[in-house]
Amino acid sequence: KKKVGLTWITVDGQLYTFRANDRSHPRSNEIYAEGEKISNEIIKYGHQYDSSWITRVLDEDETVESVLCGHSERLAIAWGFVANPNASKLQMVKNLRICGDCHRSTKIIAAIRQCEIIVRDANRIHHFYKNGQCSCNDYF
């Protein structure tokens, strides 16, 4: 059985944990609304969601976009912007390796929102810069 993806983010001194498709946060409606806003921004920027990173059959009510945007790091990023709309830096830890679609998306999010995003995944630290580049040089 596949390991559940978890992401931890500290916001205003409090630690929050997100899992894939998590709706347990009391402000999950706001988090998902922010996630949708971010998704629209990155699509406008030219991002196309990559279904090859989905390793299961989609349910009837799911889309490639909804599944990928439900990844734990995407929810943590959305929460970071809900809690601090003008955040200049978000830092998080993920228990699994970041998927390629989330990596590409996070580079775009950092550029659009002019926010550094640091993700420690199972393999390395990814520092997504405001110029849309990552410290791993896309080697992950």
C-alpha atoms as a PDB file:
ATOM      1  CA  LYS A   1       0.000   0.000   0.000  1.00  0.00           C
ATOM      2  CA  LYS A   2       1.203   3.490  -0.907  1.00  0.00           C
ATOM      3  CA  LYS A   3       2.436   5.754   1.885  1.00  0.00           C
ATOM      4  CA  VAL A   4       0.182   8.754   2.616  1.00  0.00           C
ATOM      5  CA  GLY A   5       1.698  12.067   1.559  1.00  0.00           C
ATOM      6  CA  LEU A   6       2.011  14.495   4.468  1.00  0.00           C
ATOM      7  CA  THR A   7       3.225  18.081   4.556  1.00  0.00           C
ATOM      8  CA  TRP A   8       3.951  20.115   7.669  1.00  0.00           C
ATOM      9  CA  ILE A   9       3.970  23.918   7.607  1.00  0.00           C
ATOM     10  CA  THR A  10       4.400  26.408  10.437  1.00  0.00           C
ATOM     11  CA  VAL A  11       2.214  29.501  10.183  1.00  0.00           C
ATOM     12  CA  ASP A  12       2.360  32.213  12.836  1.00  0.00           C
ATOM     13  CA  GLY A  13       4.225  29.877  15.190  1.00  0.00           C
ATOM     14  CA  GLN A  14       1.727  27.013  14.912  1.00  0.00           C
ATOM     15  CA  LEU A  15       2.421  23.703  13.168  1.00  0.00           C
ATOM     16  CA  TYR A  16      -0.184  22.438  10.684  1.00  0.00           C
ATOM     17  CA  THR A  17      -0.265  19.032   8.999  1.00  0.00           C
ATOM     18  CA  PHE A  18      -1.890  18.380   5.644  1.00  0.00           C
ATOM     19  CA  ARG A  19      -2.491  15.089   3.883  1.00  0.00           C
ATOM     20  CA  ALA A  20      -3.587  14.608   0.281  1.00  0.00           C
ATOM     21  CA  ASN A  21      -7.164  15.834  -0.291  1.00  0.00           C
ATOM     22  CA  ASP A  22      -7.360  16.932   3.354  1.00  0.00           C
ATOM     23  CA  ARG A  23     -10.517  18.734   4.464  1.00  0.00           C
ATOM     24  CA  SER A  24      -9.946  18.469   8.216  1.00  0.00           C
ATOM     25  CA  HIS A  25      -8.701  22.050   8.673  1.00  0.00           C
ATOM     26  CA  PRO A  26     -11.435  24.335  10.094  1.00  0.00           C
ATOM     27  CA  ARG A  27     -10.777  26.776   7.233  1.00  0.00           C
ATOM     28  CA  SER A  28     -10.603  24.150   4.498  1.00  0.00           C
ATOM     29  CA  ASN A  29     -13.188  25.972   2.358  1.00  0.00           C
ATOM     30  CA  GLU A  30     -10.870  28.997   2.258  1.00  0.00           C
ATOM     31  CA  ILE A  31      -7.850  26.767   1.592  1.00  0.00           C
ATOM     32  CA  TYR A  32      -9.539  25.083  -1.372  1.00  0.00           C
ATOM     33  CA  ALA A  33     -10.765  28.456  -2.697  1.00  0.00           C
ATOM     34  CA  GLU A  34      -7.183  29.768  -2.523  1.00  0.00           C
ATOM     35  CA  GLY A  35      -5.967  26.589  -4.218  1.00  0.00           C
ATOM     36  CA  GLU A  36      -8.422  27.189  -7.050  1.00  0.00           C
ATOM     37  CA  LYS A  37      -7.264  30.809  -7.335  1.00  0.00           C
ATOM     38  CA  ILE A  38      -3.634  29.647  -7.501  1.00  0.00           C
ATOM     39  CA  SER A  39      -4.559  27.004 -10.085  1.00  0.00           C
ATOM     40  CA  ASN A  40      -6.198  29.645 -12.284  1.00  0.00           C
ATOM     41  CA  GLU A  41      -3.096  31.854 -11.959  1.00  0.00           C
ATOM     42  CA  ILE A  42      -0.666  29.123 -12.989  1.00  0.00           C
ATOM     43  CA  ILE A  43      -2.884  27.976 -15.880  1.00  0.00           C
ATOM     44  CA  LYS A  44      -3.004  31.587 -17.108  1.00  0.00           C
ATOM     45  CA  TYR A  45       0.810  31.559 -16.818  1.00  0.00           C
ATOM     46  CA  GLY A  46       0.872  28.531 -19.143  1.00  0.00           C
ATOM     47  CA  HIS A  47       0.966  25.535 -16.796  1.00  0.00           C
ATOM     48  CA  GLN A  48      -0.640  22.333 -18.039  1.00  0.00           C
ATOM     49  CA  TYR A  49      -1.370  19.646 -15.453  1.00  0.00           C
ATOM     50  CA  ASP A  50       0.569  16.424 -16.017  1.00  0.00           C
ATOM     51  CA  SER A  51      -1.598  13.343 -15.491  1.00  0.00           C
ATOM     52  CA  SER A  52       1.432  11.027 -15.602  1.00  0.00           C
ATOM     53  CA  TRP A  53       2.005  11.858 -11.912  1.00  0.00           C
ATOM     54  CA  ILE A  54      -1.341  10.317 -10.943  1.00  0.00           C
ATOM     55  CA  THR A  55      -0.838   6.659 -10.080  1.00  0.00           C
ATOM     56  CA  ARG A  56      -4.457   5.573  -9.685  1.00  0.00           C
ATOM     57  CA  VAL A  57      -7.737   5.594 -11.582  1.00  0.00           C
ATOM     58  CA  LEU A  58      -9.701   8.813 -11.066  1.00  0.00           C
ATOM     59  CA  ASP A  59     -13.109   8.693  -9.410  1.00  0.00           C
ATOM     60  CA  GLU A  60     -16.069   9.988 -11.451  1.00  0.00           C
ATOM     61  CA  ASP A  61     -16.111  13.325  -9.627  1.00  0.00           C
ATOM     62  CA  GLU A  62     -12.347  13.920  -9.966  1.00  0.00           C
ATOM     63  CA  THR A  63     -10.268  15.687 -12.593  1.00  0.00           C
ATOM     64  CA  VAL A  64      -6.517  15.627 -13.158  1.00  0.00           C
ATOM     65  CA  GLU A  65      -6.429  19.199 -11.822  1.00  0.00           C
ATOM     66  CA  SER A  66      -8.452  18.398  -8.677  1.00  0.00           C
ATOM     67  CA  VAL A  67      -6.250  15.408  -7.813  1.00  0.00           C
ATOM     68  CA  LEU A  68      -2.932  17.207  -8.337  1.00  0.00           C
ATOM     69  CA  CYS A  69      -4.154  20.357  -6.552  1.00  0.00           C
ATOM     70  CA  GLY A  70      -5.157  18.119  -3.652  1.00  0.00           C
ATOM     71  CA  HIS A  71      -1.568  17.056  -2.991  1.00  0.00           C
ATOM     72  CA  SER A  72      -0.514  17.868   0.568  1.00  0.00           C
ATOM     73  CA  GLU A  73       2.125  20.445  -0.384  1.00  0.00           C
ATOM     74  CA  ARG A  74      -0.363  22.307  -2.588  1.00  0.00           C
ATOM     75  CA  LEU A  75      -2.798  22.509   0.336  1.00  0.00           C
ATOM     76  CA  ALA A  76      -0.012  23.700   2.656  1.00  0.00           C
ATOM     77  CA  ILE A  77       0.957  26.408   0.149  1.00  0.00           C
ATOM     78  CA  ALA A  78      -2.676  27.505  -0.173  1.00  0.00           C
ATOM     79  CA  TRP A  79      -2.990  27.639   3.632  1.00  0.00           C
ATOM     80  CA  GLY A  80       0.186  29.712   3.841  1.00  0.00           C
ATOM     81  CA  PHE A  81      -1.376  32.312   1.532  1.00  0.00           C
ATOM     82  CA  VAL A  82      -4.776  32.209   3.285  1.00  0.00           C
ATOM     83  CA  ALA A  83      -3.080  32.874   6.630  1.00  0.00           C
ATOM     84  CA  ASN A  84      -0.603  35.439   5.235  1.00  0.00           C
ATOM     85  CA  PRO A  85      -1.802  36.774   1.843  1.00  0.00           C
ATOM     86  CA  ASN A  86       1.395  38.780   1.299  1.00  0.00           C
ATOM     87  CA  ALA A  87       3.795  36.096   2.524  1.00  0.00           C
ATOM     88  CA  SER A  88       7.352  36.569   1.304  1.00  0.00           C
ATOM     89  CA  LYS A  89       8.475  33.076   2.393  1.00  0.00           C
ATOM     90  CA  LEU A  90       6.759  29.748   3.026  1.00  0.00           C
ATOM     91  CA  GLN A  91       8.633  26.792   4.522  1.00  0.00           C
ATOM     92  CA  MET A  92       7.406  23.225   4.751  1.00  0.00           C
ATOM     93  CA  VAL A  93       8.493  19.616   5.148  1.00  0.00           C
ATOM     94  CA  LYS A  94       7.077  16.739   3.103  1.00  0.00           C
ATOM     95  CA  ASN A  95       7.490  13.052   3.959  1.00  0.00           C
ATOM     96  CA  LEU A  96       7.594  11.895   0.320  1.00  0.00           C
ATOM     97  CA  ARG A  97       9.381  13.091  -2.797  1.00  0.00           C
ATOM     98  CA  ILE A  98       7.643  16.053  -4.459  1.00  0.00           C
ATOM     99  CA  CYS A  99       5.944  15.036  -7.719  1.00  0.00           C
ATOM    100  CA  GLY A 100       7.004  16.653 -10.979  1.00  0.00           C
ATOM    101  CA  ASP A 101       3.728  18.502 -11.437  1.00  0.00           C
ATOM    102  CA  CYS A 102       3.907  20.017  -7.940  1.00  0.00           C
ATOM    103  CA  HIS A 103       7.553  20.931  -8.541  1.00  0.00           C
ATOM    104  CA  ARG A 104       6.722  22.716 -11.800  1.00  0.00           C
ATOM    105  CA  SER A 105       3.665  24.380 -10.254  1.00  0.00           C
ATOM    106  CA  THR A 106       5.578  25.570  -7.193  1.00  0.00           C
ATOM    107  CA  LYS A 107       8.204  27.253  -9.383  1.00  0.00           C
ATOM    108  CA  ILE A 108       5.415  29.178 -11.108  1.00  0.00           C
ATOM    109  CA  ILE A 109       3.647  30.005  -7.825  1.00  0.00           C
ATOM    110  CA  ALA A 110       6.894  31.418  -6.394  1.00  0.00           C
ATOM    111  CA  ALA A 111       7.304  33.618  -9.476  1.00  0.00           C
ATOM    112  CA  ILE A 112       3.694  34.821  -9.659  1.00  0.00           C
ATOM    113  CA  ARG A 113       3.306  35.455  -5.930  1.00  0.00           C
ATOM    114  CA  GLN A 114       6.883  36.755  -5.531  1.00  0.00           C
ATOM    115  CA  CYS A 115       7.343  34.454  -2.560  1.00  0.00           C
ATOM    116  CA  GLU A 116      10.218  32.115  -1.727  1.00  0.00           C
ATOM    117  CA  ILE A 117       8.916  28.609  -1.077  1.00  0.00           C
ATOM    118  CA  ILE A 118      11.161  26.102   0.661  1.00  0.00           C
ATOM    119  CA  VAL A 119      10.162  22.436   0.622  1.00  0.00           C
ATOM    120  CA  ARG A 120      12.203  19.740   2.357  1.00  0.00           C
ATOM    121  CA  ASP A 121      11.084  16.509   0.726  1.00  0.00           C
ATOM    122  CA  ALA A 122      12.294  12.917   1.183  1.00  0.00           C
ATOM    123  CA  ASN A 123      15.293  13.528  -1.100  1.00  0.00           C
ATOM    124  CA  ARG A 124      16.458  17.126  -0.719  1.00  0.00           C
ATOM    125  CA  ILE A 125      15.655  20.731   0.065  1.00  0.00           C
ATOM    126  CA  HIS A 126      13.952  22.612  -2.759  1.00  0.00           C
ATOM    127  CA  HIS A 127      14.307  26.379  -2.575  1.00  0.00           C
ATOM    128  CA  PHE A 128      11.881  27.883  -5.073  1.00  0.00           C
ATOM    129  CA  TYR A 129      12.982  31.418  -5.851  1.00  0.00           C
ATOM    130  CA  LYS A 130      10.957  34.465  -6.878  1.00  0.00           C
ATOM    131  CA  ASN A 131      12.455  34.175 -10.376  1.00  0.00           C
ATOM    132  CA  GLY A 132      10.719  30.813 -10.871  1.00  0.00           C
ATOM    133  CA  GLN A 133      13.833  28.665 -10.479  1.00  0.00           C
ATOM    134  CA  CYS A 134      14.547  25.900  -7.960  1.00  0.00           C
ATOM    135  CA  SER A 135      17.824  25.257  -6.151  1.00  0.00           C
ATOM    136  CA  CYS A 136      17.770  21.613  -7.323  1.00  0.00           C
ATOM    137  CA  ASN A 137      18.032  22.761 -10.965  1.00  0.00           C
ATOM    138  CA  ASP A 138      15.071  20.463 -11.670  1.00  0.00           C
ATOM    139  CA  TYR A 139      17.005  17.409 -10.509  1.00  0.00           C
ATOM    140  CA  PHE A 140      14.718  15.655  -8.108  1.00  0.00           C
END
